[in-house]
Amino acid sequence: MPGVGLLIGGVLVTWVASGLAAVCLTPRNAAARSLLAAGLLLAASTGAESVAREVATPVGFALWRTAGWITFLGAVAAIVLTLTRLPDGVADSVWHVRLGRTLAVLAVAAPVLELVGAATLAVDADSPARENPVALAGLEPLGTAGTVVRATEPAWVLLGIVLLLLRWRNGSAQRRRELSWALGSIGLLAVLLALIVVVEVAGAPVPPEPVFVPLFLLALALFPVALLIGITRRVRSLEARLVESRERLVTAEDAARRALERDLHDGVQQQLVAALSLTALAARHLERSPEVAGATVSEVGERVRGAMTELRELVRGIRPPVLQDAGLVPAIESRLSSLPAAVELHTDPDAAARRPAAVEAAAYFVVTEAVTNALKHAPGSRVAVRITGVGGRLETVVADDGPGPGPGTSAGGGLRGLQDRVESLRGSFSVTGAPGTGTVVRATFPDSGGPR
């Protein structure tokens, strides 16, 4: 079909340019990096496919054809990774991470299985099959399995789009605003991919090529642009929230300083002043009335012990000693054990690894504040805390099965301050739920260079 090569070139340029722009905007964003990887792999796939069509030797054809399919399926896996991390670059759950890894393995395994097990190979469904000299006798079932897995690649993208829809549905209002345009723009591609799946599975009539191919390539070119816009919206949102969070942090710092001054003045300082006065009184009674002096000294000791207790409570509110000495999980266990209601705690082995002090402190206060809110606003409900560490990341989730947030409810001052604290560490923070379904407070901290 005339002009198809030009259209394909335009699609590849759009993919690579969108990926480069996304990485330049947010170099630490995993969604941006996987978007760029998808564009580069698509370009490599096209090049390998062109070489495979022209190469004369059977072995060269088989190897280049396999390389073309590995890079193409790798690009599809990268697209799914992008969709599961759009727009902030963080996956919502561990199984999203595992899904991406599984697809990456299948992208390599399926073409390799065909290479070693299929008697004939073809670049695509429209090209003639050629003999595969690399195939080994007795491995035909492996070749068939590879062909079946490779044929499911349109469903991979559909799965990624479904996951993106779920992220939009379960996300905060902020995330929905960031993803709304991207979801609307990729609807055409989703419909066309669904059509491909129906045609391949049910053997339905193939749409007219002069209409379908340009439409599909146009949708494929708009796809990375839509993802780039989603990432760009995230950047703009972060810029606006950065200004607001700085203002809130300054205000919160002043308020915390004044509260600390008030607590010290009304509590510890008064105790120490009283102890100082009693010490002077004991000195005056020391020679005339030793018994009175002894009783006064005992009262001085009580005052000093009281001041020490208040100081420990103040320090606990700033940063618990057990958090610094033993780490996040023991600090959470200690805090939950002192609560009047039972709270479930679930951790994995990686959660106990030490991390930077700022990350551990932020995670600790997110959990304690969320648990306190759950016990206060949803008394009698089941409250569960989950702390996981996957691939260097740290995630804390506090969930209850209470009445959930009411319509129009937003994060209070305490949670808003914690959100600022989490995002200052390049993490993500969300409060989700609906009336009657409970509330989930989630904080995710990216890999900060490994445990500390």
Protein backbone atom coordinates (compact mmCIF):
# COMPACT_ATOMS: atom_id res chain seq x y z
CA MET A 1 0.00 0.00 0.00
CA PRO A 2 1.62 3.33 -1.05
CA GLY A 3 2.58 5.61 1.77
CA VAL A 4 2.55 2.95 4.49
CA GLY A 5 6.34 3.17 4.91
CA LEU A 6 6.08 6.91 5.40
CA LEU A 7 3.31 6.46 7.94
CA ILE A 8 5.33 3.85 9.84
CA GLY A 9 8.32 6.22 9.88
CA GLY A 10 6.10 8.95 11.29
CA VAL A 11 4.85 6.59 14.00
CA LEU A 12 8.40 5.67 15.02
CA VAL A 13 9.53 9.30 15.10
CA THR A 14 6.50 10.18 17.23
CA TRP A 15 7.23 7.38 19.69
CA VAL A 16 10.92 8.20 20.10
CA ALA A 17 10.30 11.96 20.26
CA SER A 18 7.55 11.54 22.87
CA GLY A 19 9.78 9.29 24.94
CA LEU A 20 12.70 11.72 24.77
CA ALA A 21 10.45 14.63 25.74
CA ALA A 22 9.01 12.64 28.66
CA VAL A 23 12.46 11.67 29.95
CA CYS A 24 13.71 15.26 29.63
CA LEU A 25 10.69 16.49 31.60
CA THR A 26 10.88 13.84 34.34
CA PRO A 27 14.16 11.88 34.19
CA ARG A 28 13.33 9.95 37.36
CA ASN A 29 9.87 8.92 36.17
CA ALA A 30 9.73 5.20 35.34
CA ALA A 31 6.77 5.76 33.00
CA ALA A 32 8.81 8.25 30.97
CA ARG A 33 11.76 5.86 30.72
CA SER A 34 9.58 2.94 29.62
CA LEU A 35 7.87 5.19 27.05
CA LEU A 36 11.27 6.00 25.55
CA ALA A 37 12.27 2.33 25.68
CA ALA A 38 9.11 1.39 23.78
CA GLY A 39 9.93 3.87 21.00
CA LEU A 40 13.51 2.69 20.67
CA LEU A 41 12.47 -0.98 20.65
CA LEU A 42 9.82 -0.30 18.00
CA ALA A 43 12.45 1.35 15.83
CA ALA A 44 14.85 -1.57 16.37
CA SER A 45 12.05 -4.01 15.54
CA THR A 46 11.33 -2.26 12.26
CA GLY A 47 15.00 -2.32 11.32
CA ALA A 48 15.40 -6.00 12.19
CA GLU A 49 12.26 -6.87 10.23
CA SER A 50 13.56 -5.05 7.17
CA VAL A 51 16.87 -6.91 7.35
CA ALA A 52 15.07 -10.25 7.78
CA ARG A 53 13.03 -9.64 4.62
CA GLU A 54 16.16 -8.95 2.56
CA VAL A 55 18.69 -11.41 3.97
CA ALA A 56 19.32 -14.40 1.74
CA THR A 57 20.80 -17.01 4.06
CA PRO A 58 18.27 -19.16 6.00
CA VAL A 59 20.20 -18.87 9.27
CA GLY A 60 20.48 -15.10 8.93
CA PHE A 61 16.77 -14.85 8.18
CA ALA A 62 15.85 -16.93 11.26
CA LEU A 63 18.07 -14.90 13.58
CA TRP A 64 17.01 -11.48 12.27
CA ARG A 65 13.36 -12.50 12.31
CA THR A 66 13.75 -13.61 15.95
CA ALA A 67 15.50 -10.34 16.84
CA GLY A 68 12.65 -8.40 15.21
CA TRP A 69 10.01 -10.16 17.24
CA ILE A 70 11.96 -9.93 20.51
CA THR A 71 12.32 -6.17 20.12
CA PHE A 72 8.69 -5.77 19.03
CA LEU A 73 7.31 -7.78 21.95
CA GLY A 74 9.74 -5.94 24.22
CA ALA A 75 8.23 -2.68 22.99
CA VAL A 76 4.74 -3.98 23.79
CA ALA A 77 5.89 -4.99 27.28
CA ALA A 78 7.37 -1.48 27.73
CA ILE A 79 4.03 0.02 26.69
CA VAL A 80 2.26 -2.02 29.38
CA LEU A 81 4.87 -0.90 31.91
CA THR A 82 4.18 2.70 30.93
CA LEU A 83 0.44 2.26 31.37
CA THR A 84 0.81 0.67 34.81
CA ARG A 85 2.99 3.57 36.00
CA LEU A 86 1.39 6.56 34.28
CA PRO A 87 1.65 9.42 35.21
CA ASP A 88 3.80 9.40 38.36
CA GLY A 89 6.04 6.46 37.48
CA VAL A 90 4.94 4.34 40.46
CA ALA A 91 3.01 1.06 40.19
CA ASP A 92 -0.07 0.70 42.36
CA SER A 93 0.66 -2.83 43.53
CA VAL A 94 3.32 -5.52 43.60
CA TRP A 95 1.52 -7.64 41.01
CA HIS A 96 1.78 -4.80 38.49
CA VAL A 97 5.55 -5.00 38.89
CA ARG A 98 5.46 -8.76 38.50
CA LEU A 99 3.25 -8.45 35.43
CA GLY A 100 5.79 -6.20 33.75
CA ARG A 101 8.60 -8.63 34.50
CA THR A 102 6.53 -11.56 33.21
CA LEU A 103 5.77 -9.80 29.93
CA ALA A 104 9.45 -8.93 29.50
CA VAL A 105 10.36 -12.60 29.94
CA LEU A 106 7.66 -13.69 27.48
CA ALA A 107 8.89 -11.11 24.96
CA VAL A 108 12.22 -12.94 24.82
CA ALA A 109 10.99 -16.48 25.43
CA ALA A 110 8.27 -16.70 22.74
CA PRO A 111 10.45 -15.86 19.70
CA VAL A 112 13.29 -18.01 21.04
CA LEU A 113 10.93 -20.98 21.46
CA GLU A 114 9.80 -20.49 17.87
CA LEU A 115 13.42 -20.30 16.75
CA VAL A 116 14.33 -23.65 18.31
CA GLY A 117 11.03 -25.45 17.71
CA ALA A 118 9.21 -24.17 14.62
CA ALA A 119 10.03 -25.83 11.29
CA THR A 120 9.13 -22.67 9.35
CA LEU A 121 9.19 -18.99 10.24
CA ALA A 122 7.56 -15.89 8.77
CA VAL A 123 8.23 -12.23 9.48
CA ASP A 124 4.49 -11.55 9.78
CA ALA A 125 1.17 -13.05 8.76
CA ASP A 126 1.37 -11.54 5.25
CA SER A 127 4.86 -12.75 4.37
CA PRO A 128 5.69 -16.26 3.10
CA ALA A 129 7.05 -18.80 5.54
CA ARG A 130 10.65 -19.88 5.12
CA GLU A 131 12.45 -22.95 6.35
CA ASN A 132 14.01 -22.62 9.79
CA PRO A 133 17.43 -24.35 9.81
CA VAL A 134 17.92 -23.62 13.50
CA ALA A 135 14.93 -25.74 14.63
CA LEU A 136 15.73 -28.87 16.62
CA ALA A 137 13.93 -32.17 16.18
CA GLY A 138 11.47 -33.02 18.93
CA LEU A 139 10.93 -29.42 20.07
CA GLU A 140 7.89 -28.75 17.88
CA PRO A 141 5.58 -28.31 20.93
CA LEU A 142 7.85 -25.54 22.18
CA GLY A 143 7.67 -23.83 18.81
CA THR A 144 3.87 -24.04 18.88
CA ALA A 145 3.78 -22.61 22.40
CA GLY A 146 5.99 -19.71 21.32
CA THR A 147 3.71 -18.98 18.38
CA VAL A 148 0.64 -18.96 20.63
CA VAL A 149 2.27 -16.61 23.15
CA ARG A 150 3.47 -14.27 20.41
CA ALA A 151 -0.03 -14.11 18.92
CA THR A 152 -1.41 -12.75 22.21
CA GLU A 153 0.55 -9.48 22.03
CA PRO A 154 -2.49 -7.31 21.12
CA ALA A 155 -4.12 -8.50 24.34
CA TRP A 156 -1.08 -7.25 26.27
CA VAL A 157 -1.80 -3.66 25.35
CA LEU A 158 -5.50 -4.14 26.08
CA LEU A 159 -4.53 -5.44 29.52
CA GLY A 160 -2.39 -2.36 30.08
CA ILE A 161 -5.29 -0.10 29.09
CA VAL A 162 -7.60 -1.95 31.49
CA LEU A 163 -5.07 -1.47 34.29
CA LEU A 164 -4.86 2.23 33.41
CA LEU A 165 -8.66 2.44 33.65
CA LEU A 166 -8.53 0.81 37.06
CA ARG A 167 -5.85 3.28 38.17
CA TRP A 168 -8.13 6.09 37.03
CA ARG A 169 -11.19 4.65 38.75
CA ASN A 170 -9.43 3.93 42.07
CA GLY A 171 -7.25 7.03 42.03
CA SER A 172 -7.68 10.38 43.69
CA ALA A 173 -9.34 13.34 42.00
CA GLN A 174 -5.88 14.65 41.17
CA ARG A 175 -4.90 11.43 39.38
CA ARG A 176 -8.17 11.37 37.46
CA ARG A 177 -7.54 14.85 36.15
CA GLU A 178 -4.05 13.85 35.05
CA LEU A 179 -5.24 10.71 33.25
CA SER A 180 -8.55 11.87 31.76
CA TRP A 181 -7.14 13.22 28.49
CA ALA A 182 -4.83 10.25 28.00
CA LEU A 183 -7.69 7.79 28.49
CA GLY A 184 -9.91 9.62 26.05
CA SER A 185 -7.16 9.73 23.43
CA ILE A 186 -6.29 6.04 23.51
CA GLY A 187 -9.88 4.89 23.12
CA LEU A 188 -9.48 4.56 19.35
CA LEU A 189 -6.40 2.36 19.71
CA ALA A 190 -8.19 0.18 22.27
CA VAL A 191 -11.09 -0.36 19.85
CA LEU A 192 -8.74 -1.24 16.98
CA LEU A 193 -6.73 -3.64 19.15
CA ALA A 194 -9.93 -5.31 20.31
CA LEU A 195 -10.88 -5.69 16.64
CA ILE A 196 -7.54 -7.38 15.92
CA VAL A 197 -8.09 -9.81 18.79
CA VAL A 198 -11.59 -10.66 17.57
CA VAL A 199 -10.33 -11.19 14.01
CA GLU A 200 -7.50 -13.49 15.14
CA VAL A 201 -9.53 -15.49 17.65
CA ALA A 202 -12.89 -15.76 15.89
CA GLY A 203 -11.71 -15.66 12.29
CA ALA A 204 -13.98 -12.70 11.52
CA PRO A 205 -13.66 -10.79 8.21
CA VAL A 206 -10.56 -8.59 8.02
CA PRO A 207 -11.36 -4.85 7.74
CA PRO A 208 -10.44 -3.18 4.41
CA GLU A 209 -6.70 -2.54 4.47
CA PRO A 210 -6.79 0.97 2.86
CA VAL A 211 -9.03 2.10 5.70
CA PHE A 212 -7.78 0.03 8.64
CA VAL A 213 -4.02 0.40 8.23
CA PRO A 214 -3.87 4.25 8.10
CA LEU A 215 -6.40 4.45 10.93
CA PHE A 216 -4.42 2.03 13.04
CA LEU A 217 -1.12 3.81 12.37
CA LEU A 218 -2.73 7.16 13.22
CA ALA A 219 -4.02 5.76 16.50
CA LEU A 220 -0.60 4.25 17.18
CA ALA A 221 1.04 7.63 16.60
CA LEU A 222 -1.42 9.44 18.87
CA PHE A 223 -0.84 6.88 21.61
CA PRO A 224 2.61 8.10 22.81
CA VAL A 225 1.45 11.71 22.50
CA ALA A 226 -1.44 10.91 24.86
CA LEU A 227 0.95 9.30 27.35
CA LEU A 228 3.31 12.27 27.07
CA ILE A 229 0.44 14.65 27.81
CA GLY A 230 -0.41 12.59 30.89
CA ILE A 231 3.18 12.86 32.13
CA THR A 232 3.26 16.58 31.28
CA ARG A 233 0.10 17.19 33.24
CA ARG A 234 1.77 15.45 36.16
CA VAL A 235 4.74 17.81 35.88
CA ARG A 236 2.52 20.89 35.81
CA SER A 237 0.52 19.60 38.73
CA LEU A 238 3.70 18.94 40.69
CA GLU A 239 4.93 22.46 40.01
CA ALA A 240 1.72 23.97 41.35
CA ARG A 241 1.66 21.65 44.34
CA LEU A 242 5.33 22.38 45.05
CA VAL A 243 4.56 26.05 45.56
CA GLU A 244 1.57 25.24 47.74
CA SER A 245 3.47 22.63 49.77
CA ARG A 246 6.33 25.05 50.42
CA GLU A 247 3.87 27.54 51.83
CA ARG A 248 2.24 24.86 53.97
CA LEU A 249 5.62 23.57 55.17
CA VAL A 250 6.67 27.06 56.26
CA THR A 251 3.37 27.56 58.06
CA ALA A 252 3.53 24.11 59.64
CA GLU A 253 7.12 24.67 60.75
CA ASP A 254 6.16 27.93 62.46
CA ALA A 255 3.15 26.30 64.09
CA ALA A 256 5.26 23.33 65.26
CA ARG A 257 7.88 25.67 66.67
CA ARG A 258 5.27 27.65 68.58
CA ALA A 259 3.64 24.45 69.85
CA LEU A 260 7.01 23.13 71.02
CA GLU A 261 7.77 26.41 72.77
CA ARG A 262 4.36 26.33 74.45
CA ASP A 263 4.80 22.71 75.56
CA LEU A 264 8.24 23.43 76.95
CA HIS A 265 7.08 26.60 78.70
CA ASP A 266 3.88 25.16 80.17
CA GLY A 267 5.27 21.76 81.02
CA VAL A 268 8.99 21.11 81.37
CA GLN A 269 9.95 24.70 82.20
CA GLN A 270 7.35 24.93 84.97
CA GLN A 271 8.54 21.63 86.40
CA LEU A 272 12.15 22.79 86.41
CA VAL A 273 11.29 26.17 87.93
CA ALA A 274 9.36 24.41 90.68
CA ALA A 275 12.28 22.02 91.24
CA LEU A 276 14.67 24.96 91.46
CA SER A 277 12.45 26.69 94.05
CA LEU A 278 12.17 23.49 96.08
CA THR A 279 15.95 23.08 95.98
CA ALA A 280 16.38 26.56 97.47
CA LEU A 281 13.75 25.75 100.11
CA ALA A 282 15.49 22.50 100.99
CA ALA A 283 18.78 24.40 101.40
CA ARG A 284 17.15 26.78 103.91
CA HIS A 285 15.70 23.91 105.95
CA LEU A 286 18.83 21.78 105.79
CA GLU A 287 20.23 22.86 109.21
CA ARG A 288 17.05 23.81 111.07
CA SER A 289 14.78 20.94 109.95
CA PRO A 290 16.56 18.07 108.25
CA GLU A 291 13.29 16.08 108.01
CA VAL A 292 11.57 18.88 106.09
CA ALA A 293 14.66 19.29 103.89
CA GLY A 294 14.66 15.56 103.09
CA ALA A 295 10.99 15.61 102.12
CA THR A 296 11.60 18.65 99.96
CA VAL A 297 14.52 16.95 98.20
CA SER A 298 12.26 13.95 97.50
CA GLU A 299 9.73 16.30 95.96
CA VAL A 300 12.52 17.83 93.85
CA GLY A 301 13.29 14.34 92.55
CA GLU A 302 9.63 13.82 91.62
CA ARG A 303 9.57 17.14 89.78
CA VAL A 304 12.74 16.27 87.83
CA ARG A 305 11.39 12.82 86.95
CA GLY A 306 8.18 14.44 85.77
CA ALA A 307 10.15 16.86 83.60
CA MET A 308 12.13 13.96 82.13
CA THR A 309 8.91 12.10 81.32
CA GLU A 310 7.48 15.15 79.55
CA LEU A 311 10.71 15.56 77.60
CA ARG A 312 10.55 11.94 76.49
CA GLU A 313 6.97 12.42 75.32
CA LEU A 314 7.98 15.50 73.37
CA VAL A 315 10.87 13.63 71.76
CA ARG A 316 8.55 10.72 70.93
CA GLY A 317 6.32 13.12 69.03
CA ILE A 318 9.30 14.47 67.08
CA ARG A 319 11.10 11.18 66.40
CA PRO A 320 10.72 8.05 68.56
CA PRO A 321 14.05 6.68 69.82
CA VAL A 322 13.08 3.14 68.80
CA LEU A 323 12.71 4.33 65.21
CA GLN A 324 16.29 5.52 65.13
CA ASP A 325 17.67 2.54 67.03
CA ALA A 326 15.71 -0.40 65.59
CA GLY A 327 14.04 0.80 62.39
CA LEU A 328 10.57 1.30 60.97
CA VAL A 329 8.89 -2.05 61.66
CA PRO A 330 9.86 -2.27 65.36
CA ALA A 331 8.81 1.37 65.83
CA ILE A 332 5.41 0.66 64.26
CA GLU A 333 5.02 -2.48 66.38
CA SER A 334 5.83 -0.49 69.52
CA ARG A 335 3.35 2.23 68.63
CA LEU A 336 0.52 -0.16 67.74
CA SER A 337 1.02 -2.15 70.95
CA SER A 338 0.24 0.98 72.99
CA LEU A 339 -3.08 1.68 71.26
CA PRO A 340 -6.39 0.93 72.99
CA ALA A 341 -7.67 -1.09 69.99
CA ALA A 342 -6.09 -3.98 68.09
CA VAL A 343 -4.57 -3.13 64.72
CA GLU A 344 -3.33 -5.81 62.31
CA LEU A 345 0.23 -5.47 61.01
CA HIS A 346 1.49 -7.30 57.92
CA THR A 347 5.08 -6.99 56.71
CA ASP A 348 7.43 -8.78 54.34
CA PRO A 349 11.13 -9.50 54.93
CA ASP A 350 12.25 -6.54 52.80
CA ALA A 351 10.20 -4.11 54.91
CA ALA A 352 12.58 -4.57 57.85
CA ALA A 353 15.61 -3.34 55.87
CA ARG A 354 16.97 -0.02 57.11
CA ARG A 355 16.41 3.01 54.92
CA PRO A 356 17.38 6.68 55.08
CA ALA A 357 16.25 8.35 58.29
CA ALA A 358 13.97 10.80 56.47
CA VAL A 359 12.16 7.96 54.68
CA GLU A 360 11.70 5.93 57.87
CA ALA A 361 10.41 8.96 59.74
CA ALA A 362 7.94 9.90 57.00
CA ALA A 363 6.66 6.32 56.73
CA TYR A 364 6.30 6.09 60.52
CA PHE A 365 4.25 9.25 60.82
CA VAL A 366 2.08 8.32 57.81
CA VAL A 367 1.16 5.03 59.48
CA THR A 368 0.58 6.46 62.97
CA GLU A 369 -1.47 9.41 61.71
CA ALA A 370 -3.57 7.19 59.42
CA VAL A 371 -4.17 4.64 62.20
CA THR A 372 -5.13 7.40 64.64
CA ASN A 373 -7.58 8.83 62.12
CA ALA A 374 -9.07 5.39 61.46
CA LEU A 375 -9.61 4.70 65.17
CA LYS A 376 -11.09 8.16 65.62
CA HIS A 377 -13.40 8.36 62.61
CA ALA A 378 -14.21 4.65 62.19
CA PRO A 379 -14.41 3.26 65.75
CA GLY A 380 -14.98 -0.48 65.90
CA SER A 381 -13.81 -1.06 62.34
CA ARG A 382 -11.05 -3.45 61.31
CA VAL A 383 -7.81 -1.56 60.77
CA ALA A 384 -4.89 -3.19 58.99
CA VAL A 385 -1.39 -1.90 58.28
CA ARG A 386 0.74 -3.37 55.48
CA ILE A 387 4.41 -2.50 55.01
CA THR A 388 6.22 -3.92 52.00
CA GLY A 389 9.57 -3.40 50.34
CA VAL A 390 9.93 -4.44 46.71
CA GLY A 391 12.89 -3.65 44.51
CA GLY A 392 14.21 -1.06 46.94
CA ARG A 393 10.86 0.73 47.18
CA LEU A 394 8.98 1.08 50.46
CA GLU A 395 5.19 1.10 50.59
CA THR A 396 2.90 1.59 53.57
CA VAL A 397 -0.84 1.00 53.39
CA VAL A 398 -3.35 1.65 56.18
CA ALA A 399 -6.85 0.36 55.39
CA ASP A 400 -10.05 0.21 57.41
CA ASP A 401 -13.51 -1.16 56.63
CA GLY A 402 -15.35 1.74 58.23
CA PRO A 403 -17.90 4.09 56.67
CA GLY A 404 -15.29 5.64 54.37
CA PRO A 405 -14.83 9.30 53.51
CA GLY A 406 -17.97 11.29 52.91
CA PRO A 407 -18.73 13.15 49.68
CA GLY A 408 -16.38 16.05 49.17
CA THR A 409 -14.09 14.95 51.98
CA SER A 410 -10.47 16.00 51.54
CA ALA A 411 -7.30 15.26 53.44
CA GLY A 412 -7.10 17.15 56.68
CA GLY A 413 -4.21 19.27 57.84
CA GLY A 414 -2.37 16.30 59.33
CA LEU A 415 -2.59 14.16 56.22
CA ARG A 416 -1.87 17.13 53.96
CA GLY A 417 1.34 17.78 55.88
CA LEU A 418 2.29 14.11 55.56
CA GLN A 419 1.60 14.26 51.82
CA ASP A 420 3.99 17.19 51.52
CA ARG A 421 6.57 15.27 53.51
CA VAL A 422 6.23 12.13 51.36
CA GLU A 423 6.34 14.01 48.08
CA SER A 424 9.41 15.97 49.21
CA LEU A 425 11.14 12.56 49.22
CA ARG A 426 9.92 11.89 45.63
CA GLY A 427 7.26 9.52 46.93
CA SER A 428 3.55 9.33 46.24
CA PHE A 429 0.68 9.69 48.71
CA SER A 430 -3.00 8.95 48.21
CA VAL A 431 -6.20 8.64 50.23
CA THR A 432 -8.84 6.56 48.46
CA GLY A 433 -12.20 5.09 49.34
CA ALA A 434 -15.88 5.63 49.01
CA PRO A 435 -18.78 5.82 51.46
CA GLY A 436 -19.42 2.34 52.81
CA THR A 437 -16.19 0.79 51.51
CA GLY A 438 -13.64 2.06 54.01
CA THR A 439 -10.57 4.22 53.55
CA VAL A 440 -7.10 3.36 52.26
CA VAL A 441 -4.10 5.60 52.96
CA ARG A 442 -1.12 4.66 50.80
CA ALA A 443 2.39 6.08 50.74
CA THR A 444 5.09 4.83 48.39
CA PHE A 445 8.73 5.82 48.59
CA PRO A 446 11.03 5.17 45.61
CA ASP A 447 14.32 3.36 45.78
CA SER A 448 16.70 5.73 47.52
CA GLY A 449 19.88 3.82 46.93
CA GLY A 450 19.22 0.75 49.00
CA PRO A 451 18.95 0.16 52.74
CA ARG A 452 20.84 2.38 55.13
